[in-house]
């Protein structure tokens, strides 16, 4: 399997909610107080290294979102940038 960065179809949406065929994937997972979850677009994940993302997530969720988006723009992202951060309390 080719790495995502080299895959020629990486920009193609294959599943989307709100369409006739869009079904969400649902799973139960155990969460622990302090866990942090990030849902983001590739405009963020393709320009920031995982270690940089993790470092920016070490703050309040709203501040983390703002910092992640700013860092992605600063890193040169030319794509849409979306981020949702949830911290389990």
C-alpha atoms as a PDB file:
ATOM      1  CA  UNK A   1       0.000   0.000   0.000  1.00  0.00           C
ATOM      2  CA  UNK A   2       1.320   3.441  -0.908  1.00  0.00           C
ATOM      3  CA  UNK A   3       1.761   6.064   1.813  1.00  0.00           C
ATOM      4  CA  UNK A   4      -1.101   8.583   1.827  1.00  0.00           C
ATOM      5  CA  UNK A   5       1.209  11.444   0.856  1.00  0.00           C
ATOM      6  CA  UNK A   6       2.120   9.662  -2.403  1.00  0.00           C
ATOM      7  CA  UNK A   7      -1.315   8.323  -3.316  1.00  0.00           C
ATOM      8  CA  UNK A   8      -2.679   9.974  -6.465  1.00  0.00           C
ATOM      9  CA  UNK A   9      -6.310   9.905  -5.213  1.00  0.00           C
ATOM     10  CA  UNK A  10      -5.664  11.262  -1.684  1.00  0.00           C
ATOM     11  CA  UNK A  11      -7.733  14.388  -2.412  1.00  0.00           C
ATOM     12  CA  UNK A  12     -10.871  12.476  -3.495  1.00  0.00           C
ATOM     13  CA  UNK A  13     -13.737  12.250  -0.994  1.00  0.00           C
ATOM     14  CA  UNK A  14     -14.914   8.639  -0.859  1.00  0.00           C
ATOM     15  CA  UNK A  15     -17.365   8.938   2.048  1.00  0.00           C
ATOM     16  CA  UNK A  16     -19.327  11.933   3.272  1.00  0.00           C
ATOM     17  CA  UNK A  17     -22.172  12.419   5.698  1.00  0.00           C
ATOM     18  CA  UNK A  18     -25.294  14.053   4.311  1.00  0.00           C
ATOM     19  CA  UNK A  19     -25.231  12.149   1.038  1.00  0.00           C
ATOM     20  CA  UNK A  20     -27.478   9.276   0.017  1.00  0.00           C
ATOM     21  CA  UNK A  21     -24.671   6.767   0.606  1.00  0.00           C
ATOM     22  CA  UNK A  22     -22.912   8.459   3.507  1.00  0.00           C
ATOM     23  CA  UNK A  23     -23.059   6.212   6.560  1.00  0.00           C
ATOM     24  CA  UNK A  24     -21.044   7.116   9.648  1.00  0.00           C
ATOM     25  CA  UNK A  25     -18.666   4.617  11.150  1.00  0.00           C
ATOM     26  CA  UNK A  26     -19.584   4.198  14.796  1.00  0.00           C
ATOM     27  CA  UNK A  27     -17.532   2.500  17.487  1.00  0.00           C
ATOM     28  CA  UNK A  28     -17.518   2.493  21.262  1.00  0.00           C
ATOM     29  CA  UNK A  29     -14.234   3.311  22.875  1.00  0.00           C
ATOM     30  CA  UNK A  30     -13.271   3.657  26.510  1.00  0.00           C
ATOM     31  CA  UNK A  31     -12.328   7.217  27.416  1.00  0.00           C
ATOM     32  CA  UNK A  32     -10.352   8.502  30.351  1.00  0.00           C
ATOM     33  CA  UNK A  33     -10.391  11.909  31.959  1.00  0.00           C
ATOM     34  CA  UNK A  34      -7.709  13.945  30.214  1.00  0.00           C
ATOM     35  CA  UNK A  35      -8.003  12.206  26.830  1.00  0.00           C
ATOM     36  CA  UNK A  36      -7.920  14.643  23.909  1.00  0.00           C
ATOM     37  CA  UNK A  37      -9.513  13.996  20.524  1.00  0.00           C
ATOM     38  CA  UNK A  38      -8.792  15.939  17.337  1.00  0.00           C
ATOM     39  CA  UNK A  39     -10.965  15.842  14.234  1.00  0.00           C
ATOM     40  CA  UNK A  40      -9.315  17.832  11.463  1.00  0.00           C
ATOM     41  CA  UNK A  41      -9.123  18.267   7.733  1.00  0.00           C
ATOM     42  CA  UNK A  42      -6.099  17.401   5.653  1.00  0.00           C
ATOM     43  CA  UNK A  43      -5.361  21.113   5.331  1.00  0.00           C
ATOM     44  CA  UNK A  44      -4.033  20.769   8.868  1.00  0.00           C
ATOM     45  CA  UNK A  45      -2.772  17.191   9.053  1.00  0.00           C
ATOM     46  CA  UNK A  46      -0.789  17.347   5.806  1.00  0.00           C
ATOM     47  CA  UNK A  47       1.341  20.321   6.841  1.00  0.00           C
ATOM     48  CA  UNK A  48       1.955  19.723  10.558  1.00  0.00           C
ATOM     49  CA  UNK A  49       4.011  16.890  11.990  1.00  0.00           C
ATOM     50  CA  UNK A  50       2.287  14.705  14.624  1.00  0.00           C
ATOM     51  CA  UNK A  51       4.688  15.917  17.329  1.00  0.00           C
ATOM     52  CA  UNK A  52       3.796  19.556  16.553  1.00  0.00           C
ATOM     53  CA  UNK A  53       0.084  18.732  16.624  1.00  0.00           C
ATOM     54  CA  UNK A  54       0.463  16.952  19.971  1.00  0.00           C
ATOM     55  CA  UNK A  55       2.317  19.919  21.467  1.00  0.00           C
ATOM     56  CA  UNK A  56      -0.426  22.338  20.396  1.00  0.00           C
ATOM     57  CA  UNK A  57      -3.116  20.087  21.850  1.00  0.00           C
ATOM     58  CA  UNK A  58      -1.664  20.592  25.331  1.00  0.00           C
ATOM     59  CA  UNK A  59      -3.955  23.545  26.092  1.00  0.00           C
ATOM     60  CA  UNK A  60      -7.667  24.332  26.374  1.00  0.00           C
ATOM     61  CA  UNK A  61      -9.644  23.007  23.356  1.00  0.00           C
ATOM     62  CA  UNK A  62     -10.607  26.420  21.936  1.00  0.00           C
ATOM     63  CA  UNK A  63      -7.044  27.686  22.216  1.00  0.00           C
ATOM     64  CA  UNK A  64      -5.737  24.446  20.698  1.00  0.00           C
ATOM     65  CA  UNK A  65      -8.049  24.840  17.678  1.00  0.00           C
ATOM     66  CA  UNK A  66      -6.913  28.401  17.104  1.00  0.00           C
ATOM     67  CA  UNK A  67      -3.238  27.477  17.533  1.00  0.00           C
ATOM     68  CA  UNK A  68      -3.490  24.456  15.215  1.00  0.00           C
ATOM     69  CA  UNK A  69      -5.186  26.455  12.463  1.00  0.00           C
ATOM     70  CA  UNK A  70      -2.689  29.316  12.790  1.00  0.00           C
ATOM     71  CA  UNK A  71       0.228  26.869  12.676  1.00  0.00           C
ATOM     72  CA  UNK A  72      -1.185  25.164   9.569  1.00  0.00           C
ATOM     73  CA  UNK A  73      -1.514  28.497   7.752  1.00  0.00           C
ATOM     74  CA  UNK A  74       1.987  29.452   8.893  1.00  0.00           C
ATOM     75  CA  UNK A  75       3.286  26.111   7.568  1.00  0.00           C
ATOM     76  CA  UNK A  76       1.904  27.015   4.149  1.00  0.00           C
ATOM     77  CA  UNK A  77      -1.353  25.085   3.923  1.00  0.00           C
ATOM     78  CA  UNK A  78      -3.238  25.956   0.763  1.00  0.00           C
ATOM     79  CA  UNK A  79      -6.266  23.809   1.572  1.00  0.00           C
ATOM     80  CA  UNK A  80      -9.315  24.274   3.774  1.00  0.00           C
ATOM     81  CA  UNK A  81      -8.389  23.973   7.435  1.00  0.00           C
ATOM     82  CA  UNK A  82     -10.865  22.694   9.995  1.00  0.00           C
ATOM     83  CA  UNK A  83     -10.277  21.485  13.534  1.00  0.00           C
ATOM     84  CA  UNK A  84     -12.428  20.249  16.396  1.00  0.00           C
ATOM     85  CA  UNK A  85     -10.744  19.472  19.717  1.00  0.00           C
ATOM     86  CA  UNK A  86     -12.472  17.634  22.558  1.00  0.00           C
ATOM     87  CA  UNK A  87     -10.962  17.056  25.995  1.00  0.00           C
ATOM     88  CA  UNK A  88     -12.579  14.503  28.302  1.00  0.00           C
ATOM     89  CA  UNK A  89     -13.282  16.055  31.716  1.00  0.00           C
END
